[in-house]
Amino acid sequence: MELAFNLLLTILIELPIMAFFFKKRKRRYALSVGLFVNIITWPIVNIIRLNTDWDLNWVQVGVVVVEGFAYWLLLGRHIKRSIIMTIVANAASFLATKYIHISPDLFQKTPNLIR
């Protein structure tokens, strides 16, 4: 449940930050590219996080580089702007997922007390 919550939190944080960097006519395409890139990179990061003992901070640096390159390639932005955009978005989502947690008890069913 925590992984699904982190994905939702990541998307809810990163996509509005990405929208800030684009004008209205190109914003919809940028958001769809951002969603696509996050759906690709997010599982890879979690597979690395769960199966290796690599430092998560260095993995995030790799994500920033890969996402910046993908935004540069797919959105046609200048490479510096793509890197800045992905640094801001990933820093915000990384800090949010690091410090905001959801209790597993929140979604557990309560037993029926029918007698």
PDB file of N, CA and C in Angstrom:
ATOM      1  N   MET A   1       0.817  -1.183   0.000  1.00  0.00           N
ATOM      2  CA  MET A   1       0.000   0.000   0.000  1.00  0.00           C
ATOM      3  C   MET A   1       0.869   1.259   0.000  1.00  0.00           C
ATOM      4  N   GLU A   2       2.002   1.185   0.665  1.00  0.00           N
ATOM      5  CA  GLU A   2       2.876   2.352   0.746  1.00  0.00           C
ATOM      6  C   GLU A   2       3.452   2.713  -0.625  1.00  0.00           C
ATOM      7  N   LEU A   3       3.771   1.705  -1.438  1.00  0.00           N
ATOM      8  CA  LEU A   3       4.312   1.990  -2.762  1.00  0.00           C
ATOM      9  C   LEU A   3       3.289   2.688  -3.646  1.00  0.00           C
ATOM     10  N   ALA A   4       2.045   2.236  -3.598  1.00  0.00           N
ATOM     11  CA  ALA A   4       0.990   2.874  -4.398  1.00  0.00           C
ATOM     12  C   ALA A   4       0.751   4.309  -3.926  1.00  0.00           C
ATOM     13  N   PHE A   5       0.777   4.519  -2.622  1.00  0.00           N
ATOM     14  CA  PHE A   5       0.612   5.870  -2.088  1.00  0.00           C
ATOM     15  C   PHE A   5       1.766   6.767  -2.524  1.00  0.00           C
ATOM     16  N   ASN A   6       2.983   6.240  -2.520  1.00  0.00           N
ATOM     17  CA  ASN A   6       4.143   7.026  -2.952  1.00  0.00           C
ATOM     18  C   ASN A   6       4.062   7.379  -4.433  1.00  0.00           C
ATOM     19  N   LEU A   7       3.571   6.460  -5.258  1.00  0.00           N
ATOM     20  CA  LEU A   7       3.404   6.764  -6.678  1.00  0.00           C
ATOM     21  C   LEU A   7       2.374   7.867  -6.870  1.00  0.00           C
ATOM     22  N   LEU A   8       1.262   7.764  -6.172  1.00  0.00           N
ATOM     23  CA  LEU A   8       0.232   8.796  -6.265  1.00  0.00           C
ATOM     24  C   LEU A   8       0.766  10.143  -5.796  1.00  0.00           C
ATOM     25  N   LEU A   9       1.486  10.142  -4.702  1.00  0.00           N
ATOM     26  CA  LEU A   9       2.061  11.372  -4.172  1.00  0.00           C
ATOM     27  C   LEU A   9       3.080  11.969  -5.141  1.00  0.00           C
ATOM     28  N   THR A  10       3.893  11.125  -5.740  1.00  0.00           N
ATOM     29  CA  THR A  10       4.883  11.584  -6.716  1.00  0.00           C
ATOM     30  C   THR A  10       4.209  12.246  -7.906  1.00  0.00           C
ATOM     31  N   ILE A  11       3.185  11.615  -8.435  1.00  0.00           N
ATOM     32  CA  ILE A  11       2.495  12.169  -9.604  1.00  0.00           C
ATOM     33  C   ILE A  11       1.785  13.475  -9.238  1.00  0.00           C
ATOM     34  N   LEU A  12       1.152  13.500  -8.067  1.00  0.00           N
ATOM     35  CA  LEU A  12       0.439  14.710  -7.658  1.00  0.00           C
ATOM     36  C   LEU A  12       1.368  15.887  -7.378  1.00  0.00           C
ATOM     37  N   ILE A  13       2.605  15.617  -7.072  1.00  0.00           N
ATOM     38  CA  ILE A  13       3.558  16.694  -6.807  1.00  0.00           C
ATOM     39  C   ILE A  13       4.314  17.096  -8.069  1.00  0.00           C
ATOM     40  N   GLU A  14       4.799  16.118  -8.825  1.00  0.00           N
ATOM     41  CA  GLU A  14       5.659  16.440  -9.968  1.00  0.00           C
ATOM     42  C   GLU A  14       4.915  17.042 -11.150  1.00  0.00           C
ATOM     43  N   LEU A  15       3.715  16.576 -11.439  1.00  0.00           N
ATOM     44  CA  LEU A  15       3.022  17.087 -12.623  1.00  0.00           C
ATOM     45  C   LEU A  15       2.649  18.571 -12.513  1.00  0.00           C
ATOM     46  N   PRO A  16       2.139  19.062 -11.375  1.00  0.00           N
ATOM     47  CA  PRO A  16       1.902  20.509 -11.309  1.00  0.00           C
ATOM     48  C   PRO A  16       3.186  21.344 -11.397  1.00  0.00           C
ATOM     49  N   ILE A  17       4.271  20.817 -10.873  1.00  0.00           N
ATOM     50  CA  ILE A  17       5.544  21.540 -11.002  1.00  0.00           C
ATOM     51  C   ILE A  17       5.963  21.599 -12.460  1.00  0.00           C
ATOM     52  N   MET A  18       5.772  20.501 -13.181  1.00  0.00           N
ATOM     53  CA  MET A  18       6.096  20.507 -14.613  1.00  0.00           C
ATOM     54  C   MET A  18       5.205  21.476 -15.378  1.00  0.00           C
ATOM     55  N   ALA A  19       3.932  21.538 -15.003  1.00  0.00           N
ATOM     56  CA  ALA A  19       2.995  22.431 -15.692  1.00  0.00           C
ATOM     57  C   ALA A  19       3.417  23.882 -15.545  1.00  0.00           C
ATOM     58  N   PHE A  20       4.056  24.197 -14.437  1.00  0.00           N
ATOM     59  CA  PHE A  20       4.522  25.553 -14.200  1.00  0.00           C
ATOM     60  C   PHE A  20       5.555  26.002 -15.237  1.00  0.00           C
ATOM     61  N   PHE A  21       6.312  25.076 -15.801  1.00  0.00           N
ATOM     62  CA  PHE A  21       7.390  25.402 -16.728  1.00  0.00           C
ATOM     63  C   PHE A  21       6.931  25.536 -18.182  1.00  0.00           C
ATOM     64  N   PHE A  22       5.642  25.332 -18.451  1.00  0.00           N
ATOM     65  CA  PHE A  22       5.164  25.349 -19.836  1.00  0.00           C
ATOM     66  C   PHE A  22       4.019  26.333 -20.010  1.00  0.00           C
ATOM     67  N   LYS A  23       3.928  26.864 -21.214  1.00  0.00           N
ATOM     68  CA  LYS A  23       2.803  27.736 -21.544  1.00  0.00           C
ATOM     69  C   LYS A  23       1.561  26.876 -21.760  1.00  0.00           C
ATOM     70  N   LYS A  24       0.433  27.531 -21.760  1.00  0.00           N
ATOM     71  CA  LYS A  24      -0.843  26.815 -21.759  1.00  0.00           C
ATOM     72  C   LYS A  24      -1.025  25.903 -22.974  1.00  0.00           C
ATOM     73  N   ARG A  25      -0.585  26.321 -24.131  1.00  0.00           N
ATOM     74  CA  ARG A  25      -0.834  25.510 -25.327  1.00  0.00           C
ATOM     75  C   ARG A  25       0.010  24.232 -25.374  1.00  0.00           C
ATOM     76  N   LYS A  26       1.138  24.194 -24.686  1.00  0.00           N
ATOM     77  CA  LYS A  26       1.973  22.995 -24.700  1.00  0.00           C
ATOM     78  C   LYS A  26       1.890  22.227 -23.375  1.00  0.00           C
ATOM     79  N   ARG A  27       1.123  22.739 -22.438  1.00  0.00           N
ATOM     80  CA  ARG A  27       1.063  22.160 -21.099  1.00  0.00           C
ATOM     81  C   ARG A  27       0.475  20.747 -21.091  1.00  0.00           C
ATOM     82  N   ARG A  28      -0.567  20.507 -21.851  1.00  0.00           N
ATOM     83  CA  ARG A  28      -1.206  19.186 -21.853  1.00  0.00           C
ATOM     84  C   ARG A  28      -0.242  18.112 -22.359  1.00  0.00           C
ATOM     85  N   TYR A  29       0.476  18.417 -23.427  1.00  0.00           N
ATOM     86  CA  TYR A  29       1.453  17.461 -23.950  1.00  0.00           C
ATOM     87  C   TYR A  29       2.580  17.233 -22.946  1.00  0.00           C
ATOM     88  N   ALA A  30       3.022  18.299 -22.300  1.00  0.00           N
ATOM     89  CA  ALA A  30       4.094  18.170 -21.309  1.00  0.00           C
ATOM     90  C   ALA A  30       3.653  17.317 -20.124  1.00  0.00           C
ATOM     91  N   LEU A  31       2.412  17.472 -19.701  1.00  0.00           N
ATOM     92  CA  LEU A  31       1.913  16.666 -18.591  1.00  0.00           C
ATOM     93  C   LEU A  31       1.781  15.203 -18.971  1.00  0.00           C
ATOM     94  N   SER A  32       1.378  14.920 -20.198  1.00  0.00           N
ATOM     95  CA  SER A  32       1.291  13.522 -20.617  1.00  0.00           C
ATOM     96  C   SER A  32       2.688  12.898 -20.733  1.00  0.00           C
ATOM     97  N   VAL A  33       3.654  13.676 -21.204  1.00  0.00           N
ATOM     98  CA  VAL A  33       5.036  13.174 -21.248  1.00  0.00           C
ATOM     99  C   VAL A  33       5.567  12.973 -19.833  1.00  0.00           C
ATOM    100  N   GLY A  34       5.273  13.899 -18.932  1.00  0.00           N
ATOM    101  CA  GLY A  34       5.699  13.760 -17.542  1.00  0.00           C
ATOM    102  C   GLY A  34       5.098  12.540 -16.880  1.00  0.00           C
ATOM    103  N   LEU A  35       3.827  12.278 -17.132  1.00  0.00           N
ATOM    104  CA  LEU A  35       3.191  11.076 -16.588  1.00  0.00           C
ATOM    105  C   LEU A  35       3.833   9.817 -17.154  1.00  0.00           C
ATOM    106  N   PHE A  36       4.086   9.811 -18.450  1.00  0.00           N
ATOM    107  CA  PHE A  36       4.732   8.662 -19.094  1.00  0.00           C
ATOM    108  C   PHE A  36       6.130   8.410 -18.523  1.00  0.00           C
ATOM    109  N   VAL A  37       6.914   9.458 -18.393  1.00  0.00           N
ATOM    110  CA  VAL A  37       8.281   9.315 -17.885  1.00  0.00           C
ATOM    111  C   VAL A  37       8.264   8.840 -16.430  1.00  0.00           C
ATOM    112  N   ASN A  38       7.354   9.367 -15.622  1.00  0.00           N
ATOM    113  CA  ASN A  38       7.270   8.941 -14.228  1.00  0.00           C
ATOM    114  C   ASN A  38       6.795   7.503 -14.094  1.00  0.00           C
ATOM    115  N   ILE A  39       5.886   7.079 -14.956  1.00  0.00           N
ATOM    116  CA  ILE A  39       5.418   5.695 -14.905  1.00  0.00           C
ATOM    117  C   ILE A  39       6.533   4.732 -15.317  1.00  0.00           C
ATOM    118  N   ILE A  40       7.457   5.184 -16.128  1.00  0.00           N
ATOM    119  CA  ILE A  40       8.604   4.351 -16.513  1.00  0.00           C
ATOM    120  C   ILE A  40       9.680   4.356 -15.424  1.00  0.00           C
ATOM    121  N   THR A  41      10.047   5.526 -14.916  1.00  0.00           N
ATOM    122  CA  THR A  41      11.181   5.598 -13.985  1.00  0.00           C
ATOM    123  C   THR A  41      10.820   5.185 -12.561  1.00  0.00           C
ATOM    124  N   TRP A  42       9.584   5.408 -12.140  1.00  0.00           N
ATOM    125  CA  TRP A  42       9.211   5.109 -10.755  1.00  0.00           C
ATOM    126  C   TRP A  42       9.353   3.618 -10.403  1.00  0.00           C
ATOM    127  N   PRO A  43       8.849   2.688 -11.240  1.00  0.00           N
ATOM    128  CA  PRO A  43       9.049   1.271 -10.892  1.00  0.00           C
ATOM    129  C   PRO A  43      10.525   0.860 -10.911  1.00  0.00           C
ATOM    130  N   ILE A  44      11.292   1.437 -11.819  1.00  0.00           N
ATOM    131  CA  ILE A  44      12.717   1.094 -11.873  1.00  0.00           C
ATOM    132  C   ILE A  44      13.407   1.511 -10.583  1.00  0.00           C
ATOM    133  N   VAL A  45      13.094   2.707 -10.094  1.00  0.00           N
ATOM    134  CA  VAL A  45      13.684   3.176  -8.839  1.00  0.00           C
ATOM    135  C   VAL A  45      13.291   2.262  -7.685  1.00  0.00           C
ATOM    136  N   ASN A  46      12.046   1.841  -7.643  1.00  0.00           N
ATOM    137  CA  ASN A  46      11.613   0.988  -6.535  1.00  0.00           C
ATOM    138  C   ASN A  46      12.151  -0.428  -6.634  1.00  0.00           C
ATOM    139  N   ILE A  47      12.362  -0.928  -7.829  1.00  0.00           N
ATOM    140  CA  ILE A  47      13.013  -2.229  -7.981  1.00  0.00           C
ATOM    141  C   ILE A  47      14.447  -2.141  -7.481  1.00  0.00           C
ATOM    142  N   ILE A  48      15.132  -1.068  -7.843  1.00  0.00           N
ATOM    143  CA  ILE A  48      16.503  -0.868  -7.352  1.00  0.00           C
ATOM    144  C   ILE A  48      16.508  -0.714  -5.841  1.00  0.00           C
ATOM    145  N   ARG A  49      15.561   0.066  -5.315  1.00  0.00           N
ATOM    146  CA  ARG A  49      15.504   0.327  -3.871  1.00  0.00           C
ATOM    147  C   ARG A  49      15.231  -0.944  -3.076  1.00  0.00           C
ATOM    148  N   LEU A  50      14.365  -1.810  -3.590  1.00  0.00           N
ATOM    149  CA  LEU A  50      13.983  -3.014  -2.845  1.00  0.00           C
ATOM    150  C   LEU A  50      14.947  -4.181  -3.024  1.00  0.00           C
ATOM    151  N   ASN A  51      15.695  -4.210  -4.121  1.00  0.00           N
ATOM    152  CA  ASN A  51      16.534  -5.374  -4.413  1.00  0.00           C
ATOM    153  C   ASN A  51      18.030  -5.145  -4.270  1.00  0.00           C
ATOM    154  N   THR A  52      18.434  -3.910  -4.028  1.00  0.00           N
ATOM    155  CA  THR A  52      19.869  -3.640  -3.877  1.00  0.00           C
ATOM    156  C   THR A  52      20.094  -2.840  -2.605  1.00  0.00           C
ATOM    157  N   ASP A  53      21.340  -2.674  -2.276  1.00  0.00           N
ATOM    158  CA  ASP A  53      21.666  -1.848  -1.107  1.00  0.00           C
ATOM    159  C   ASP A  53      22.289  -0.515  -1.534  1.00  0.00           C
ATOM    160  N   TRP A  54      21.965  -0.060  -2.736  1.00  0.00           N
ATOM    161  CA  TRP A  54      22.486   1.203  -3.230  1.00  0.00           C
ATOM    162  C   TRP A  54      21.905   2.354  -2.428  1.00  0.00           C
ATOM    163  N   ASP A  55      22.666   3.421  -2.330  1.00  0.00           N
ATOM    164  CA  ASP A  55      22.205   4.616  -1.633  1.00  0.00           C
ATOM    165  C   ASP A  55      21.098   5.277  -2.452  1.00  0.00           C
ATOM    166  N   LEU A  56      19.962   5.503  -1.818  1.00  0.00           N
ATOM    167  CA  LEU A  56      18.799   6.047  -2.516  1.00  0.00           C
ATOM    168  C   LEU A  56      19.056   7.460  -3.048  1.00  0.00           C
ATOM    169  N   ASN A  57      19.921   8.196  -2.397  1.00  0.00           N
ATOM    170  CA  ASN A  57      20.238   9.549  -2.880  1.00  0.00           C
ATOM    171  C   ASN A  57      20.922   9.508  -4.241  1.00  0.00           C
ATOM    172  N   TRP A  58      21.820   8.549  -4.439  1.00  0.00           N
ATOM    173  CA  TRP A  58      22.492   8.419  -5.738  1.00  0.00           C
ATOM    174  C   TRP A  58      21.545   7.900  -6.811  1.00  0.00           C
ATOM    175  N   VAL A  59      20.618   7.050  -6.415  1.00  0.00           N
ATOM    176  CA  VAL A  59      19.609   6.579  -7.365  1.00  0.00           C
ATOM    177  C   VAL A  59      18.755   7.758  -7.836  1.00  0.00           C
ATOM    178  N   GLN A  60      18.406   8.653  -6.930  1.00  0.00           N
ATOM    179  CA  GLN A  60      17.635   9.840  -7.300  1.00  0.00           C
ATOM    180  C   GLN A  60      18.418  10.758  -8.232  1.00  0.00           C
ATOM    181  N   VAL A  61      19.714  10.851  -8.049  1.00  0.00           N
ATOM    182  CA  VAL A  61      20.538  11.640  -8.970  1.00  0.00           C
ATOM    183  C   VAL A  61      20.470  11.030 -10.371  1.00  0.00           C
ATOM    184  N   GLY A  62      20.519   9.722 -10.445  1.00  0.00           N
ATOM    185  CA  GLY A  62      20.375   9.043 -11.737  1.00  0.00           C
ATOM    186  C   GLY A  62      19.012   9.292 -12.360  1.00  0.00           C
ATOM    187  N   VAL A  63      17.970   9.315 -11.536  1.00  0.00           N
ATOM    188  CA  VAL A  63      16.623   9.584 -12.030  1.00  0.00           C
ATOM    189  C   VAL A  63      16.537  10.997 -12.589  1.00  0.00           C
ATOM    190  N   VAL A  64      17.153  11.942 -11.915  1.00  0.00           N
ATOM    191  CA  VAL A  64      17.149  13.331 -12.396  1.00  0.00           C
ATOM    192  C   VAL A  64      17.820  13.407 -13.763  1.00  0.00           C
ATOM    193  N   VAL A  65      18.922  12.725 -13.932  1.00  0.00           N
ATOM    194  CA  VAL A  65      19.636  12.746 -15.217  1.00  0.00           C
ATOM    195  C   VAL A  65      18.792  12.091 -16.309  1.00  0.00           C
ATOM    196  N   VAL A  66      18.226  10.930 -16.010  1.00  0.00           N
ATOM    197  CA  VAL A  66      17.427  10.209 -17.011  1.00  0.00           C
ATOM    198  C   VAL A  66      16.169  10.994 -17.367  1.00  0.00           C
ATOM    199  N   GLU A  67      15.464  11.508 -16.360  1.00  0.00           N
ATOM    200  CA  GLU A  67      14.251  12.273 -16.647  1.00  0.00           C
ATOM    201  C   GLU A  67      14.574  13.577 -17.369  1.00  0.00           C
ATOM    202  N   GLY A  68      15.658  14.232 -17.006  1.00  0.00           N
ATOM    203  CA  GLY A  68      16.054  15.446 -17.704  1.00  0.00           C
ATOM    204  C   GLY A  68      16.350  15.180 -19.167  1.00  0.00           C
ATOM    205  N   PHE A  69      17.040  14.086 -19.438  1.00  0.00           N
ATOM    206  CA  PHE A  69      17.330  13.709 -20.823  1.00  0.00           C
ATOM    207  C   PHE A  69      16.037  13.380 -21.565  1.00  0.00           C
ATOM    208  N   ALA A  70      15.118  12.667 -20.903  1.00  0.00           N
ATOM    209  CA  ALA A  70      13.848  12.313 -21.545  1.00  0.00           C
ATOM    210  C   ALA A  70      13.016  13.557 -21.846  1.00  0.00           C
ATOM    211  N   TYR A  71      12.978  14.507 -20.920  1.00  0.00           N
ATOM    212  CA  TYR A  71      12.230  15.742 -21.169  1.00  0.00           C
ATOM    213  C   TYR A  71      12.872  16.561 -22.277  1.00  0.00           C
ATOM    214  N   TRP A  72      14.182  16.573 -22.299  1.00  0.00           N
ATOM    215  CA  TRP A  72      14.882  17.283 -23.373  1.00  0.00           C
ATOM    216  C   TRP A  72      14.564  16.645 -24.725  1.00  0.00           C
ATOM    217  N   LEU A  73      14.579  15.328 -24.764  1.00  0.00           N
ATOM    218  CA  LEU A  73      14.353  14.611 -26.014  1.00  0.00           C
ATOM    219  C   LEU A  73      12.890  14.687 -26.461  1.00  0.00           C
ATOM    220  N   LEU A  74      11.964  14.476 -25.532  1.00  0.00           N
ATOM    221  CA  LEU A  74      10.555  14.383 -25.903  1.00  0.00           C
ATOM    222  C   LEU A  74       9.847  15.736 -25.970  1.00  0.00           C
ATOM    223  N   LEU A  75      10.301  16.699 -25.199  1.00  0.00           N
ATOM    224  CA  LEU A  75       9.618  17.988 -25.157  1.00  0.00           C
ATOM    225  C   LEU A  75      10.327  19.081 -25.940  1.00  0.00           C
ATOM    226  N   GLY A  76      11.558  18.833 -26.345  1.00  0.00           N
ATOM    227  CA  GLY A  76      12.279  19.813 -27.146  1.00  0.00           C
ATOM    228  C   GLY A  76      12.705  21.047 -26.361  1.00  0.00           C
ATOM    229  N   ARG A  77      12.862  20.910 -25.056  1.00  0.00           N
ATOM    230  CA  ARG A  77      13.315  22.022 -24.229  1.00  0.00           C
ATOM    231  C   ARG A  77      14.839  22.062 -24.236  1.00  0.00           C
ATOM    232  N   HIS A  78      15.384  23.186 -23.825  1.00  0.00           N
ATOM    233  CA  HIS A  78      16.825  23.294 -23.668  1.00  0.00           C
ATOM    234  C   HIS A  78      17.253  22.345 -22.541  1.00  0.00           C
ATOM    235  N   ILE A  79      18.423  21.766 -22.645  1.00  0.00           N
ATOM    236  CA  ILE A  79      18.865  20.758 -21.682  1.00  0.00           C
ATOM    237  C   ILE A  79      18.960  21.334 -20.269  1.00  0.00           C
ATOM    238  N   LYS A  80      19.405  22.595 -20.140  1.00  0.00           N
ATOM    239  CA  LYS A  80      19.490  23.203 -18.810  1.00  0.00           C
ATOM    240  C   LYS A  80      18.109  23.347 -18.181  1.00  0.00           C
ATOM    241  N   ARG A  81      17.141  23.781 -18.969  1.00  0.00           N
ATOM    242  CA  ARG A  81      15.782  23.934 -18.450  1.00  0.00           C
ATOM    243  C   ARG A  81      15.178  22.582 -18.097  1.00  0.00           C
ATOM    244  N   SER A  82      15.473  21.556 -18.882  1.00  0.00           N
ATOM    245  CA  SER A  82      14.971  20.219 -18.572  1.00  0.00           C
ATOM    246  C   SER A  82      15.551  19.693 -17.265  1.00  0.00           C
ATOM    247  N   ILE A  83      16.840  19.921 -17.065  1.00  0.00           N
ATOM    248  CA  ILE A  83      17.477  19.467 -15.827  1.00  0.00           C
ATOM    249  C   ILE A  83      16.950  20.247 -14.627  1.00  0.00           C
ATOM    250  N   ILE A  84      16.791  21.550 -14.766  1.00  0.00           N
ATOM    251  CA  ILE A  84      16.257  22.352 -13.657  1.00  0.00           C
ATOM    252  C   ILE A  84      14.842  21.908 -13.315  1.00  0.00           C
ATOM    253  N   MET A  85      14.035  21.675 -14.340  1.00  0.00           N
ATOM    254  CA  MET A  85      12.664  21.245 -14.128  1.00  0.00           C
ATOM    255  C   MET A  85      12.617  19.910 -13.384  1.00  0.00           C
ATOM    256  N   THR A  86      13.425  18.986 -13.779  1.00  0.00           N
ATOM    257  CA  THR A  86      13.399  17.676 -13.136  1.00  0.00           C
ATOM    258  C   THR A  86      14.043  17.711 -11.746  1.00  0.00           C
ATOM    259  N   ILE A  87      15.019  18.583 -11.527  1.00  0.00           N
ATOM    260  CA  ILE A  87      15.603  18.716 -10.185  1.00  0.00           C
ATOM    261  C   ILE A  87      14.558  19.240  -9.209  1.00  0.00           C
ATOM    262  N   VAL A  88      13.837  20.274  -9.606  1.00  0.00           N
ATOM    263  CA  VAL A  88      12.821  20.853  -8.718  1.00  0.00           C
ATOM    264  C   VAL A  88      11.709  19.842  -8.444  1.00  0.00           C
ATOM    265  N   ALA A  89      11.210  19.201  -9.498  1.00  0.00           N
ATOM    266  CA  ALA A  89      10.098  18.252  -9.334  1.00  0.00           C
ATOM    267  C   ALA A  89      10.518  17.042  -8.507  1.00  0.00           C
ATOM    268  N   ASN A  90      11.677  16.483  -8.784  1.00  0.00           N
ATOM    269  CA  ASN A  90      12.111  15.290  -8.060  1.00  0.00           C
ATOM    270  C   ASN A  90      12.526  15.598  -6.628  1.00  0.00           C
ATOM    271  N   ALA A  91      13.086  16.767  -6.383  1.00  0.00           N
ATOM    272  CA  ALA A  91      13.423  17.126  -5.004  1.00  0.00           C
ATOM    273  C   ALA A  91      12.158  17.247  -4.160  1.00  0.00           C
ATOM    274  N   ALA A  92      11.139  17.869  -4.726  1.00  0.00           N
ATOM    275  CA  ALA A  92       9.880  18.014  -3.980  1.00  0.00           C
ATOM    276  C   ALA A  92       9.229  16.664  -3.734  1.00  0.00           C
ATOM    277  N   SER A  93       9.176  15.814  -4.745  1.00  0.00           N
ATOM    278  CA  SER A  93       8.527  14.508  -4.557  1.00  0.00           C
ATOM    279  C   SER A  93       9.366  13.586  -3.679  1.00  0.00           C
ATOM    280  N   PHE A  94      10.687  13.680  -3.762  1.00  0.00           N
ATOM    281  CA  PHE A  94      11.553  12.855  -2.922  1.00  0.00           C
ATOM    282  C   PHE A  94      11.365  13.216  -1.452  1.00  0.00           C
ATOM    283  N   LEU A  95      11.349  14.500  -1.151  1.00  0.00           N
ATOM    284  CA  LEU A  95      11.154  14.919   0.235  1.00  0.00           C
ATOM    285  C   LEU A  95       9.758  14.568   0.739  1.00  0.00           C
ATOM    286  N   ALA A  96       8.764  14.710  -0.115  1.00  0.00           N
ATOM    287  CA  ALA A  96       7.397  14.379   0.300  1.00  0.00           C
ATOM    288  C   ALA A  96       7.245  12.890   0.580  1.00  0.00           C
ATOM    289  N   THR A  97       7.771  12.045  -0.302  1.00  0.00           N
ATOM    290  CA  THR A  97       7.629  10.607  -0.080  1.00  0.00           C
ATOM    291  C   THR A  97       8.513  10.117   1.060  1.00  0.00           C
ATOM    292  N   LYS A  98       9.546  10.875   1.370  1.00  0.00           N
ATOM    293  CA  LYS A  98      10.408  10.492   2.481  1.00  0.00           C
ATOM    294  C   LYS A  98       9.761  10.805   3.829  1.00  0.00           C
ATOM    295  N   TYR A  99       9.009  11.896   3.901  1.00  0.00           N
ATOM    296  CA  TYR A  99       8.475  12.337   5.187  1.00  0.00           C
ATOM    297  C   TYR A  99       6.970  12.152   5.358  1.00  0.00           C
ATOM    298  N   ILE A 100       6.226  11.899   4.291  1.00  0.00           N
ATOM    299  CA  ILE A 100       4.782  11.678   4.404  1.00  0.00           C
ATOM    300  C   ILE A 100       4.531  10.183   4.250  1.00  0.00           C
ATOM    301  N   HIS A 101       3.990   9.585   5.279  1.00  0.00           N
ATOM    302  CA  HIS A 101       3.702   8.148   5.259  1.00  0.00           C
ATOM    303  C   HIS A 101       2.231   7.932   5.552  1.00  0.00           C
ATOM    304  N   ILE A 102       1.722   6.816   5.089  1.00  0.00           N
ATOM    305  CA  ILE A 102       0.337   6.463   5.327  1.00  0.00           C
ATOM    306  C   ILE A 102       0.304   5.227   6.209  1.00  0.00           C
ATOM    307  N   SER A 103      -0.603   5.228   7.138  1.00  0.00           N
ATOM    308  CA  SER A 103      -0.726   4.095   8.055  1.00  0.00           C
ATOM    309  C   SER A 103      -1.466   2.959   7.365  1.00  0.00           C
ATOM    310  N   PRO A 104      -0.952   1.731   7.440  1.00  0.00           N
ATOM    311  CA  PRO A 104      -1.660   0.610   6.822  1.00  0.00           C
ATOM    312  C   PRO A 104      -3.002   0.328   7.496  1.00  0.00           C
ATOM    313  N   ASP A 105      -3.150   0.750   8.729  1.00  0.00           N
ATOM    314  CA  ASP A 105      -4.402   0.522   9.440  1.00  0.00           C
ATOM    315  C   ASP A 105      -5.538   1.371   8.888  1.00  0.00           C
ATOM    316  N   LEU A 106      -5.231   2.379   8.133  1.00  0.00           N
ATOM    317  CA  LEU A 106      -6.245   3.273   7.608  1.00  0.00           C
ATOM    318  C   LEU A 106      -7.203   2.559   6.664  1.00  0.00           C
ATOM    319  N   PHE A 107      -6.697   1.594   5.903  1.00  0.00           N
ATOM    320  CA  PHE A 107      -7.517   0.923   4.904  1.00  0.00           C
ATOM    321  C   PHE A 107      -7.953  -0.476   5.313  1.00  0.00           C
ATOM    322  N   GLN A 108      -7.633  -0.910   6.496  1.00  0.00           N
ATOM    323  CA  GLN A 108      -8.061  -2.229   6.927  1.00  0.00           C
ATOM    324  C   GLN A 108      -9.522  -2.191   7.318  1.00  0.00           C
ATOM    325  N   LYS A 109     -10.190  -3.283   7.014  1.00  0.00           N
ATOM    326  CA  LYS A 109     -11.608  -3.372   7.331  1.00  0.00           C
ATOM    327  C   LYS A 109     -11.780  -3.621   8.818  1.00  0.00           C
ATOM    328  N   THR A 110     -12.836  -3.033   9.353  1.00  0.00           N
ATOM    329  CA  THR A 110     -13.161  -3.327  10.738  1.00  0.00           C
ATOM    330  C   THR A 110     -14.048  -4.557  10.784  1.00  0.00           C
ATOM    331  N   PRO A 111     -13.904  -5.377  11.792  1.00  0.00           N
ATOM    332  CA  PRO A 111     -14.715  -6.591  11.860  1.00  0.00           C
ATOM    333  C   PRO A 111     -16.184  -6.239  12.114  1.00  0.00           C
ATOM    334  N   ASN A 112     -17.053  -7.019  11.512  1.00  0.00           N
ATOM    335  CA  ASN A 112     -18.488  -6.833  11.732  1.00  0.00           C
ATOM    336  C   ASN A 112     -18.849  -7.359  13.109  1.00  0.00           C
ATOM    337  N   LEU A 113     -19.608  -6.603  13.835  1.00  0.00           N
ATOM    338  CA  LEU A 113     -19.964  -6.981  15.185  1.00  0.00           C
ATOM    339  C   LEU A 113     -21.433  -7.393  15.260  1.00  0.00           C
ATOM    340  N   ILE A 114     -21.822  -8.267  14.352  1.00  0.00           N
ATOM    341  CA  ILE A 114     -23.202  -8.748  14.326  1.00  0.00           C
ATOM    342  C   ILE A 114     -23.303  -9.921  15.302  1.00  0.00           C
ATOM    343  N   ARG A 115     -24.287  -9.832  16.184  1.00  0.00           N
ATOM    344  CA  ARG A 115     -24.446 -10.919  17.170  1.00  0.00           C
ATOM    345  C   ARG A 115     -25.820 -11.463  17.106  1.00  0.00           C
TER     346      ARG A 115
END
